[in-house]
Amino acid sequence: MEKVNNIEEILSIVSECKVNAFGELAIYDTSIRIGSYYVIKPTNVYLHTNVKVGAKKLRLDFRKKKLKIDDFHIELQSMPSLELEDFLCIDTNKFKVS
């Protein structure tokens, strides 16, 4: 792990560790925590579980594995990727889909 340079590499390593009942969200959360230990932050917003729902509500391409900050509406582009992930996961529950 000491030679990892980005979250993508950490996600790859964690996902290769096949653990029973360790799903997409657990892989993501574990990777973020490992990245935090090594002071490695994601530069993209990774779409998993409820984050996909939020992306769909904002009419973003929720079928992708991740979104770049530039993919978001201009009003949201100043937010760091982890805050955008929280926003999609938590705050968009207040939105109605038309």
PDB file of N, CA and C in Angstrom:
ATOM      1  N   MET A   1       0.808  -1.206   0.000  1.00  0.00           N
ATOM      2  CA  MET A   1       0.000   0.000   0.000  1.00  0.00           C
ATOM      3  C   MET A   1       0.849   1.266   0.000  1.00  0.00           C
ATOM      4  N   GLU A   2       2.032   1.204   0.494  1.00  0.00           N
ATOM      5  CA  GLU A   2       2.833   2.418   0.629  1.00  0.00           C
ATOM      6  C   GLU A   2       3.200   3.044  -0.715  1.00  0.00           C
ATOM      7  N   LYS A   3       3.031   2.302  -1.811  1.00  0.00           N
ATOM      8  CA  LYS A   3       3.395   2.831  -3.125  1.00  0.00           C
ATOM      9  C   LYS A   3       2.188   3.314  -3.926  1.00  0.00           C
ATOM     10  N   VAL A   4       1.021   3.338  -3.316  1.00  0.00           N
ATOM     11  CA  VAL A   4      -0.157   3.804  -4.043  1.00  0.00           C
ATOM     12  C   VAL A   4      -0.126   5.317  -4.176  1.00  0.00           C
ATOM     13  N   ASN A   5      -0.639   5.797  -5.303  1.00  0.00           N
ATOM     14  CA  ASN A   5      -0.616   7.230  -5.587  1.00  0.00           C
ATOM     15  C   ASN A   5      -1.994   7.860  -5.694  1.00  0.00           C
ATOM     16  N   ASN A   6      -3.016   7.029  -5.834  1.00  0.00           N
ATOM     17  CA  ASN A   6      -4.354   7.587  -6.002  1.00  0.00           C
ATOM     18  C   ASN A   6      -5.424   6.605  -5.526  1.00  0.00           C
ATOM     19  N   ILE A   7      -6.615   7.100  -5.416  1.00  0.00           N
ATOM     20  CA  ILE A   7      -7.736   6.292  -4.933  1.00  0.00           C
ATOM     21  C   ILE A   7      -8.039   5.136  -5.879  1.00  0.00           C
ATOM     22  N   GLU A   8      -7.856   5.338  -7.174  1.00  0.00           N
ATOM     23  CA  GLU A   8      -8.096   4.262  -8.146  1.00  0.00           C
ATOM     24  C   GLU A   8      -7.278   3.022  -7.794  1.00  0.00           C
ATOM     25  N   GLU A   9      -6.008   3.226  -7.464  1.00  0.00           N
ATOM     26  CA  GLU A   9      -5.136   2.101  -7.118  1.00  0.00           C
ATOM     27  C   GLU A   9      -5.609   1.423  -5.832  1.00  0.00           C
ATOM     28  N   ILE A  10      -6.008   2.223  -4.866  1.00  0.00           N
ATOM     29  CA  ILE A  10      -6.496   1.661  -3.599  1.00  0.00           C
ATOM     30  C   ILE A  10      -7.789   0.881  -3.833  1.00  0.00           C
ATOM     31  N   LEU A  11      -8.705   1.446  -4.599  1.00  0.00           N
ATOM     32  CA  LEU A  11      -9.958   0.748  -4.921  1.00  0.00           C
ATOM     33  C   LEU A  11      -9.680  -0.595  -5.587  1.00  0.00           C
ATOM     34  N   SER A  12      -8.723  -0.609  -6.483  1.00  0.00           N
ATOM     35  CA  SER A  12      -8.367  -1.839  -7.181  1.00  0.00           C
ATOM     36  C   SER A  12      -7.846  -2.898  -6.208  1.00  0.00           C
ATOM     37  N   ILE A  13      -6.968  -2.492  -5.317  1.00  0.00           N
ATOM     38  CA  ILE A  13      -6.400  -3.428  -4.340  1.00  0.00           C
ATOM     39  C   ILE A  13      -7.485  -3.961  -3.409  1.00  0.00           C
ATOM     40  N   VAL A  14      -8.314  -3.068  -2.893  1.00  0.00           N
ATOM     41  CA  VAL A  14      -9.364  -3.485  -1.955  1.00  0.00           C
ATOM     42  C   VAL A  14     -10.378  -4.391  -2.650  1.00  0.00           C
ATOM     43  N   SER A  15     -10.744  -4.074  -3.887  1.00  0.00           N
ATOM     44  CA  SER A  15     -11.741  -4.897  -4.581  1.00  0.00           C
ATOM     45  C   SER A  15     -11.196  -6.275  -4.945  1.00  0.00           C
ATOM     46  N   GLU A  16      -9.876  -6.399  -5.075  1.00  0.00           N
ATOM     47  CA  GLU A  16      -9.265  -7.704  -5.354  1.00  0.00           C
ATOM     48  C   GLU A  16      -9.296  -8.623  -4.137  1.00  0.00           C
ATOM     49  N   CYS A  17      -9.459  -8.064  -2.962  1.00  0.00           N
ATOM     50  CA  CYS A  17      -9.556  -8.861  -1.727  1.00  0.00           C
ATOM     51  C   CYS A  17     -10.985  -9.373  -1.622  1.00  0.00           C
ATOM     52  N   LYS A  18     -11.210 -10.531  -2.116  1.00  0.00           N
ATOM     53  CA  LYS A  18     -12.566 -11.096  -2.143  1.00  0.00           C
ATOM     54  C   LYS A  18     -12.991 -11.505  -0.735  1.00  0.00           C
ATOM     55  N   VAL A  19     -13.855 -10.698  -0.149  1.00  0.00           N
ATOM     56  CA  VAL A  19     -14.375 -10.969   1.186  1.00  0.00           C
ATOM     57  C   VAL A  19     -15.881 -11.176   1.064  1.00  0.00           C
ATOM     58  N   ASN A  20     -16.377 -12.262   1.615  1.00  0.00           N
ATOM     59  CA  ASN A  20     -17.797 -12.576   1.554  1.00  0.00           C
ATOM     60  C   ASN A  20     -18.626 -11.445   2.170  1.00  0.00           C
ATOM     61  N   ALA A  21     -19.671 -11.037   1.486  1.00  0.00           N
ATOM     62  CA  ALA A  21     -20.604  -9.996   1.931  1.00  0.00           C
ATOM     63  C   ALA A  21     -19.949  -8.620   2.056  1.00  0.00           C
ATOM     64  N   PHE A  22     -18.858  -8.408   1.357  1.00  0.00           N
ATOM     65  CA  PHE A  22     -18.155  -7.123   1.344  1.00  0.00           C
ATOM     66  C   PHE A  22     -18.440  -6.499  -0.010  1.00  0.00           C
ATOM     67  N   GLY A  23     -19.474  -5.663  -0.056  1.00  0.00           N
ATOM     68  CA  GLY A  23     -19.966  -5.146  -1.324  1.00  0.00           C
ATOM     69  C   GLY A  23     -19.343  -3.838  -1.762  1.00  0.00           C
ATOM     70  N   GLU A  24     -19.975  -3.262  -2.765  1.00  0.00           N
ATOM     71  CA  GLU A  24     -19.494  -2.041  -3.415  1.00  0.00           C
ATOM     72  C   GLU A  24     -19.277  -0.887  -2.433  1.00  0.00           C
ATOM     73  N   LEU A  25     -20.232  -0.664  -1.547  1.00  0.00           N
ATOM     74  CA  LEU A  25     -20.121   0.433  -0.586  1.00  0.00           C
ATOM     75  C   LEU A  25     -18.993   0.184   0.415  1.00  0.00           C
ATOM     76  N   ALA A  26     -18.858  -1.039   0.894  1.00  0.00           N
ATOM     77  CA  ALA A  26     -17.783  -1.368   1.839  1.00  0.00           C
ATOM     78  C   ALA A  26     -16.412  -1.207   1.181  1.00  0.00           C
ATOM     79  N   ILE A  27     -16.303  -1.601  -0.076  1.00  0.00           N
ATOM     80  CA  ILE A  27     -15.038  -1.432  -0.810  1.00  0.00           C
ATOM     81  C   ILE A  27     -14.706   0.049  -0.926  1.00  0.00           C
ATOM     82  N   TYR A  28     -15.699   0.849  -1.288  1.00  0.00           N
ATOM     83  CA  TYR A  28     -15.483   2.291  -1.421  1.00  0.00           C
ATOM     84  C   TYR A  28     -15.092   2.914  -0.082  1.00  0.00           C
ATOM     85  N   ASP A  29     -15.870   2.650   0.961  1.00  0.00           N
ATOM     86  CA  ASP A  29     -15.595   3.241   2.278  1.00  0.00           C
ATOM     87  C   ASP A  29     -14.221   2.838   2.802  1.00  0.00           C
ATOM     88  N   THR A  30     -13.870   1.583   2.639  1.00  0.00           N
ATOM     89  CA  THR A  30     -12.552   1.110   3.082  1.00  0.00           C
ATOM     90  C   THR A  30     -11.448   1.814   2.309  1.00  0.00           C
ATOM     91  N   SER A  31     -11.624   1.948   1.016  1.00  0.00           N
ATOM     92  CA  SER A  31     -10.618   2.613   0.175  1.00  0.00           C
ATOM     93  C   SER A  31     -10.447   4.073   0.561  1.00  0.00           C
ATOM     94  N   ILE A  32     -11.542   4.749   0.850  1.00  0.00           N
ATOM     95  CA  ILE A  32     -11.471   6.155   1.266  1.00  0.00           C
ATOM     96  C   ILE A  32     -10.723   6.280   2.586  1.00  0.00           C
ATOM     97  N   ARG A  33     -10.979   5.367   3.506  1.00  0.00           N
ATOM     98  CA  ARG A  33     -10.293   5.420   4.804  1.00  0.00           C
ATOM     99  C   ARG A  33      -8.798   5.122   4.669  1.00  0.00           C
ATOM    100  N   ILE A  34      -8.462   4.167   3.830  1.00  0.00           N
ATOM    101  CA  ILE A  34      -7.043   3.884   3.581  1.00  0.00           C
ATOM    102  C   ILE A  34      -6.401   5.097   2.920  1.00  0.00           C
ATOM    103  N   GLY A  35      -7.083   5.678   1.942  1.00  0.00           N
ATOM    104  CA  GLY A  35      -6.576   6.881   1.284  1.00  0.00           C
ATOM    105  C   GLY A  35      -6.363   8.011   2.269  1.00  0.00           C
ATOM    106  N   SER A  36      -7.270   8.166   3.194  1.00  0.00           N
ATOM    107  CA  SER A  36      -7.140   9.203   4.214  1.00  0.00           C
ATOM    108  C   SER A  36      -5.885   8.985   5.057  1.00  0.00           C
ATOM    109  N   TYR A  37      -5.614   7.754   5.388  1.00  0.00           N
ATOM    110  CA  TYR A  37      -4.407   7.430   6.163  1.00  0.00           C
ATOM    111  C   TYR A  37      -3.148   7.872   5.412  1.00  0.00           C
ATOM    112  N   TYR A  38      -3.151   7.658   4.096  1.00  0.00           N
ATOM    113  CA  TYR A  38      -2.000   8.027   3.262  1.00  0.00           C
ATOM    114  C   TYR A  38      -2.120   9.437   2.685  1.00  0.00           C
ATOM    115  N   VAL A  39      -3.096  10.192   3.130  1.00  0.00           N
ATOM    116  CA  VAL A  39      -3.374  11.558   2.661  1.00  0.00           C
ATOM    117  C   VAL A  39      -3.593  11.570   1.141  1.00  0.00           C
ATOM    118  N   ILE A  40      -4.414  10.641   0.691  1.00  0.00           N
ATOM    119  CA  ILE A  40      -4.792  10.551  -0.721  1.00  0.00           C
ATOM    120  C   ILE A  40      -6.299  10.754  -0.800  1.00  0.00           C
ATOM    121  N   LYS A  41      -6.706  11.812  -1.471  1.00  0.00           N
ATOM    122  CA  LYS A  41      -8.132  12.124  -1.605  1.00  0.00           C
ATOM    123  C   LYS A  41      -8.592  11.823  -3.028  1.00  0.00           C
ATOM    124  N   PRO A  42      -9.845  11.421  -3.173  1.00  0.00           N
ATOM    125  CA  PRO A  42     -10.360  11.200  -4.525  1.00  0.00           C
ATOM    126  C   PRO A  42     -10.518  12.526  -5.265  1.00  0.00           C
ATOM    127  N   THR A  43     -10.296  12.489  -6.554  1.00  0.00           N
ATOM    128  CA  THR A  43     -10.501  13.675  -7.386  1.00  0.00           C
ATOM    129  C   THR A  43     -11.783  13.551  -8.204  1.00  0.00           C
ATOM    130  N   ASN A  44     -12.402  12.385  -8.143  1.00  0.00           N
ATOM    131  CA  ASN A  44     -13.664  12.128  -8.827  1.00  0.00           C
ATOM    132  C   ASN A  44     -14.715  11.728  -7.802  1.00  0.00           C
ATOM    133  N   VAL A  45     -15.955  11.704  -8.242  1.00  0.00           N
ATOM    134  CA  VAL A  45     -17.044  11.232  -7.392  1.00  0.00           C
ATOM    135  C   VAL A  45     -17.401   9.829  -7.868  1.00  0.00           C
ATOM    136  N   TYR A  46     -17.222   8.856  -6.996  1.00  0.00           N
ATOM    137  CA  TYR A  46     -17.484   7.462  -7.331  1.00  0.00           C
ATOM    138  C   TYR A  46     -18.946   7.143  -7.047  1.00  0.00           C
ATOM    139  N   LEU A  47     -19.582   6.525  -8.026  1.00  0.00           N
ATOM    140  CA  LEU A  47     -21.015   6.266  -7.944  1.00  0.00           C
ATOM    141  C   LEU A  47     -21.279   4.864  -7.412  1.00  0.00           C
ATOM    142  N   HIS A  48     -21.878   4.809  -6.263  1.00  0.00           N
ATOM    143  CA  HIS A  48     -22.255   3.560  -5.618  1.00  0.00           C
ATOM    144  C   HIS A  48     -23.596   3.780  -4.929  1.00  0.00           C
ATOM    145  N   THR A  49     -24.324   2.758  -4.727  1.00  0.00           N
ATOM    146  CA  THR A  49     -25.610   2.727  -4.020  1.00  0.00           C
ATOM    147  C   THR A  49     -26.395   4.036  -4.111  1.00  0.00           C
ATOM    148  N   ASN A  50     -26.591   4.718  -2.996  1.00  0.00           N
ATOM    149  CA  ASN A  50     -27.431   5.923  -2.969  1.00  0.00           C
ATOM    150  C   ASN A  50     -26.844   7.086  -3.754  1.00  0.00           C
ATOM    151  N   VAL A  51     -25.552   7.096  -3.953  1.00  0.00           N
ATOM    152  CA  VAL A  51     -24.927   8.165  -4.740  1.00  0.00           C
ATOM    153  C   VAL A  51     -25.450   8.106  -6.176  1.00  0.00           C
ATOM    154  N   LYS A  52     -25.661   6.892  -6.691  1.00  0.00           N
ATOM    155  CA  LYS A  52     -26.233   6.732  -8.033  1.00  0.00           C
ATOM    156  C   LYS A  52     -27.640   7.323  -8.096  1.00  0.00           C
ATOM    157  N   VAL A  53     -28.407   7.109  -7.049  1.00  0.00           N
ATOM    158  CA  VAL A  53     -29.778   7.643  -6.994  1.00  0.00           C
ATOM    159  C   VAL A  53     -29.737   9.167  -7.054  1.00  0.00           C
ATOM    160  N   GLY A  54     -28.848   9.775  -6.273  1.00  0.00           N
ATOM    161  CA  GLY A  54     -28.702  11.228  -6.284  1.00  0.00           C
ATOM    162  C   GLY A  54     -28.259  11.745  -7.639  1.00  0.00           C
ATOM    163  N   ALA A  55     -27.325  11.039  -8.272  1.00  0.00           N
ATOM    164  CA  ALA A  55     -26.850  11.438  -9.600  1.00  0.00           C
ATOM    165  C   ALA A  55     -27.997  11.391 -10.609  1.00  0.00           C
ATOM    166  N   LYS A  56     -28.816  10.373 -10.505  1.00  0.00           N
ATOM    167  CA  LYS A  56     -29.966  10.249 -11.411  1.00  0.00           C
ATOM    168  C   LYS A  56     -30.936  11.408 -11.202  1.00  0.00           C
ATOM    169  N   LYS A  57     -31.181  11.772  -9.947  1.00  0.00           N
ATOM    170  CA  LYS A  57     -32.094  12.881  -9.650  1.00  0.00           C
ATOM    171  C   LYS A  57     -31.589  14.201 -10.220  1.00  0.00           C
ATOM    172  N   LEU A  58     -30.270  14.362 -10.280  1.00  0.00           N
ATOM    173  CA  LEU A  58     -29.694  15.590 -10.843  1.00  0.00           C
ATOM    174  C   LEU A  58     -29.464  15.475 -12.351  1.00  0.00           C
ATOM    175  N   ARG A  59     -29.965  14.389 -12.921  1.00  0.00           N
ATOM    176  CA  ARG A  59     -29.846  14.129 -14.356  1.00  0.00           C
ATOM    177  C   ARG A  59     -28.385  14.043 -14.813  1.00  0.00           C
ATOM    178  N   LEU A  60     -27.564  13.451 -13.960  1.00  0.00           N
ATOM    179  CA  LEU A  60     -26.176  13.169 -14.307  1.00  0.00           C
ATOM    180  C   LEU A  60     -26.116  11.733 -14.821  1.00  0.00           C
ATOM    181  N   ASP A  61     -25.038  11.374 -15.469  1.00  0.00           N
ATOM    182  CA  ASP A  61     -24.917  10.021 -16.014  1.00  0.00           C
ATOM    183  C   ASP A  61     -24.611   9.036 -14.887  1.00  0.00           C
ATOM    184  N   PHE A  62     -25.656   8.530 -14.265  1.00  0.00           N
ATOM    185  CA  PHE A  62     -25.523   7.654 -13.106  1.00  0.00           C
ATOM    186  C   PHE A  62     -25.066   6.245 -13.477  1.00  0.00           C
ATOM    187  N   ARG A  63     -24.972   5.945 -14.767  1.00  0.00           N
ATOM    188  CA  ARG A  63     -24.527   4.619 -15.204  1.00  0.00           C
ATOM    189  C   ARG A  63     -23.008   4.479 -15.203  1.00  0.00           C
ATOM    190  N   LYS A  64     -22.327   5.617 -15.093  1.00  0.00           N
ATOM    191  CA  LYS A  64     -20.861   5.588 -15.055  1.00  0.00           C
ATOM    192  C   LYS A  64     -20.374   5.059 -13.707  1.00  0.00           C
ATOM    193  N   LYS A  65     -19.120   4.674 -13.667  1.00  0.00           N
ATOM    194  CA  LYS A  65     -18.495   4.228 -12.421  1.00  0.00           C
ATOM    195  C   LYS A  65     -18.108   5.431 -11.557  1.00  0.00           C
ATOM    196  N   LYS A  66     -17.781   6.537 -12.222  1.00  0.00           N
ATOM    197  CA  LYS A  66     -17.384   7.754 -11.505  1.00  0.00           C
ATOM    198  C   LYS A  66     -17.703   8.966 -12.361  1.00  0.00           C
ATOM    199  N   LEU A  67     -17.807  10.115 -11.706  1.00  0.00           N
ATOM    200  CA  LEU A  67     -18.032  11.382 -12.398  1.00  0.00           C
ATOM    201  C   LEU A  67     -16.894  12.335 -12.071  1.00  0.00           C
ATOM    202  N   LYS A  68     -16.518  13.126 -13.052  1.00  0.00           N
ATOM    203  CA  LYS A  68     -15.544  14.193 -12.818  1.00  0.00           C
ATOM    204  C   LYS A  68     -16.290  15.386 -12.232  1.00  0.00           C
ATOM    205  N   ILE A  69     -15.574  16.238 -11.543  1.00  0.00           N
ATOM    206  CA  ILE A  69     -16.185  17.444 -10.974  1.00  0.00           C
ATOM    207  C   ILE A  69     -16.839  18.262 -12.088  1.00  0.00           C
ATOM    208  N   ASP A  70     -16.207  18.300 -13.255  1.00  0.00           N
ATOM    209  CA  ASP A  70     -16.738  19.061 -14.396  1.00  0.00           C
ATOM    210  C   ASP A  70     -18.077  18.527 -14.899  1.00  0.00           C
ATOM    211  N   ASP A  71     -18.421  17.291 -14.551  1.00  0.00           N
ATOM    212  CA  ASP A  71     -19.696  16.711 -14.973  1.00  0.00           C
ATOM    213  C   ASP A  71     -20.881  17.302 -14.208  1.00  0.00           C
ATOM    214  N   PHE A  72     -20.606  17.957 -13.088  1.00  0.00           N
ATOM    215  CA  PHE A  72     -21.659  18.501 -12.239  1.00  0.00           C
ATOM    216  C   PHE A  72     -22.081  19.888 -12.713  1.00  0.00           C
ATOM    217  N   HIS A  73     -23.258  20.286 -12.291  1.00  0.00           N
ATOM    218  CA  HIS A  73     -23.750  21.628 -12.579  1.00  0.00           C
ATOM    219  C   HIS A  73     -22.745  22.639 -12.036  1.00  0.00           C
ATOM    220  N   ILE A  74     -22.595  23.744 -12.714  1.00  0.00           N
ATOM    221  CA  ILE A  74     -21.589  24.757 -12.373  1.00  0.00           C
ATOM    222  C   ILE A  74     -21.680  25.182 -10.907  1.00  0.00           C
ATOM    223  N   GLU A  75     -22.881  25.223 -10.367  1.00  0.00           N
ATOM    224  CA  GLU A  75     -23.069  25.655  -8.979  1.00  0.00           C
ATOM    225  C   GLU A  75     -22.443  24.689  -7.970  1.00  0.00           C
ATOM    226  N   LEU A  76     -22.219  23.463  -8.381  1.00  0.00           N
ATOM    227  CA  LEU A  76     -21.674  22.445  -7.472  1.00  0.00           C
ATOM    228  C   LEU A  76     -20.182  22.186  -7.677  1.00  0.00           C
ATOM    229  N   GLN A  77     -19.606  22.731  -8.735  1.00  0.00           N
ATOM    230  CA  GLN A  77     -18.232  22.398  -9.095  1.00  0.00           C
ATOM    231  C   GLN A  77     -17.170  22.913  -8.128  1.00  0.00           C
ATOM    232  N   SER A  78     -17.534  23.790  -7.226  1.00  0.00           N
ATOM    233  CA  SER A  78     -16.556  24.276  -6.248  1.00  0.00           C
ATOM    234  C   SER A  78     -16.427  23.329  -5.049  1.00  0.00           C
ATOM    235  N   MET A  79     -17.304  22.349  -4.969  1.00  0.00           N
ATOM    236  CA  MET A  79     -17.270  21.406  -3.847  1.00  0.00           C
ATOM    237  C   MET A  79     -16.231  20.312  -4.090  1.00  0.00           C
ATOM    238  N   PRO A  80     -15.507  19.906  -3.043  1.00  0.00           N
ATOM    239  CA  PRO A  80     -14.588  18.767  -3.178  1.00  0.00           C
ATOM    240  C   PRO A  80     -15.376  17.483  -3.458  1.00  0.00           C
ATOM    241  N   SER A  81     -14.724  16.512  -4.049  1.00  0.00           N
ATOM    242  CA  SER A  81     -15.411  15.285  -4.463  1.00  0.00           C
ATOM    243  C   SER A  81     -16.090  14.552  -3.306  1.00  0.00           C
ATOM    244  N   LEU A  82     -15.468  14.508  -2.139  1.00  0.00           N
ATOM    245  CA  LEU A  82     -16.101  13.819  -1.008  1.00  0.00           C
ATOM    246  C   LEU A  82     -17.369  14.531  -0.548  1.00  0.00           C
ATOM    247  N   GLU A  83     -17.385  15.855  -0.632  1.00  0.00           N
ATOM    248  CA  GLU A  83     -18.596  16.602  -0.278  1.00  0.00           C
ATOM    249  C   GLU A  83     -19.688  16.396  -1.323  1.00  0.00           C
ATOM    250  N   LEU A  84     -19.286  16.322  -2.591  1.00  0.00           N
ATOM    251  CA  LEU A  84     -20.269  16.047  -3.642  1.00  0.00           C
ATOM    252  C   LEU A  84     -20.879  14.663  -3.451  1.00  0.00           C
ATOM    253  N   GLU A  85     -20.050  13.715  -3.068  1.00  0.00           N
ATOM    254  CA  GLU A  85     -20.545  12.362  -2.814  1.00  0.00           C
ATOM    255  C   GLU A  85     -21.566  12.382  -1.680  1.00  0.00           C
ATOM    256  N   ASP A  86     -21.244  13.075  -0.600  1.00  0.00           N
ATOM    257  CA  ASP A  86     -22.195  13.206   0.512  1.00  0.00           C
ATOM    258  C   ASP A  86     -23.481  13.894   0.058  1.00  0.00           C
ATOM    259  N   PHE A  87     -23.337  14.941  -0.731  1.00  0.00           N
ATOM    260  CA  PHE A  87     -24.494  15.678  -1.243  1.00  0.00           C
ATOM    261  C   PHE A  87     -25.409  14.754  -2.045  1.00  0.00           C
ATOM    262  N   LEU A  88     -24.820  13.977  -2.950  1.00  0.00           N
ATOM    263  CA  LEU A  88     -25.626  13.072  -3.767  1.00  0.00           C
ATOM    264  C   LEU A  88     -26.284  11.990  -2.920  1.00  0.00           C
ATOM    265  N   CYS A  89     -25.586  11.537  -1.913  1.00  0.00           N
ATOM    266  CA  CYS A  89     -26.074  10.439  -1.083  1.00  0.00           C
ATOM    267  C   CYS A  89     -27.139  10.888  -0.087  1.00  0.00           C
ATOM    268  N   ILE A  90     -26.964  12.066   0.480  1.00  0.00           N
ATOM    269  CA  ILE A  90     -27.825  12.510   1.580  1.00  0.00           C
ATOM    270  C   ILE A  90     -28.810  13.593   1.149  1.00  0.00           C
ATOM    271  N   ASP A  91     -28.290  14.684   0.623  1.00  0.00           N
ATOM    272  CA  ASP A  91     -29.121  15.863   0.366  1.00  0.00           C
ATOM    273  C   ASP A  91     -30.112  15.693  -0.772  1.00  0.00           C
ATOM    274  N   THR A  92     -29.786  14.874  -1.758  1.00  0.00           N
ATOM    275  CA  THR A  92     -30.715  14.731  -2.879  1.00  0.00           C
ATOM    276  C   THR A  92     -31.944  13.922  -2.498  1.00  0.00           C
ATOM    277  N   ASN A  93     -31.953  13.327  -1.304  1.00  0.00           N
ATOM    278  CA  ASN A  93     -33.169  12.647  -0.836  1.00  0.00           C
ATOM    279  C   ASN A  93     -34.325  13.633  -0.704  1.00  0.00           C
ATOM    280  N   LYS A  94     -33.993  14.916  -0.606  1.00  0.00           N
ATOM    281  CA  LYS A  94     -35.016  15.957  -0.473  1.00  0.00           C
ATOM    282  C   LYS A  94     -35.602  16.362  -1.828  1.00  0.00           C
ATOM    283  N   PHE A  95     -34.965  15.931  -2.918  1.00  0.00           N
ATOM    284  CA  PHE A  95     -35.399  16.320  -4.253  1.00  0.00           C
ATOM    285  C   PHE A  95     -36.489  15.382  -4.758  1.00  0.00           C
ATOM    286  N   LYS A  96     -37.368  15.942  -5.566  1.00  0.00           N
ATOM    287  CA  LYS A  96     -38.370  15.135  -6.243  1.00  0.00           C
ATOM    288  C   LYS A  96     -37.950  14.993  -7.695  1.00  0.00           C
ATOM    289  N   VAL A  97     -38.138  13.812  -8.226  1.00  0.00           N
ATOM    290  CA  VAL A  97     -37.824  13.571  -9.633  1.00  0.00           C
ATOM    291  C   VAL A  97     -39.073  13.840 -10.444  1.00  0.00           C
ATOM    292  N   SER A  98     -38.910  14.687 -11.469  1.00  0.00           N
ATOM    293  CA  SER A  98     -40.077  14.991 -12.306  1.00  0.00           C
ATOM    294  C   SER A  98     -39.996  14.266 -13.621  1.00  0.00           C
TER     295      SER A  98
END
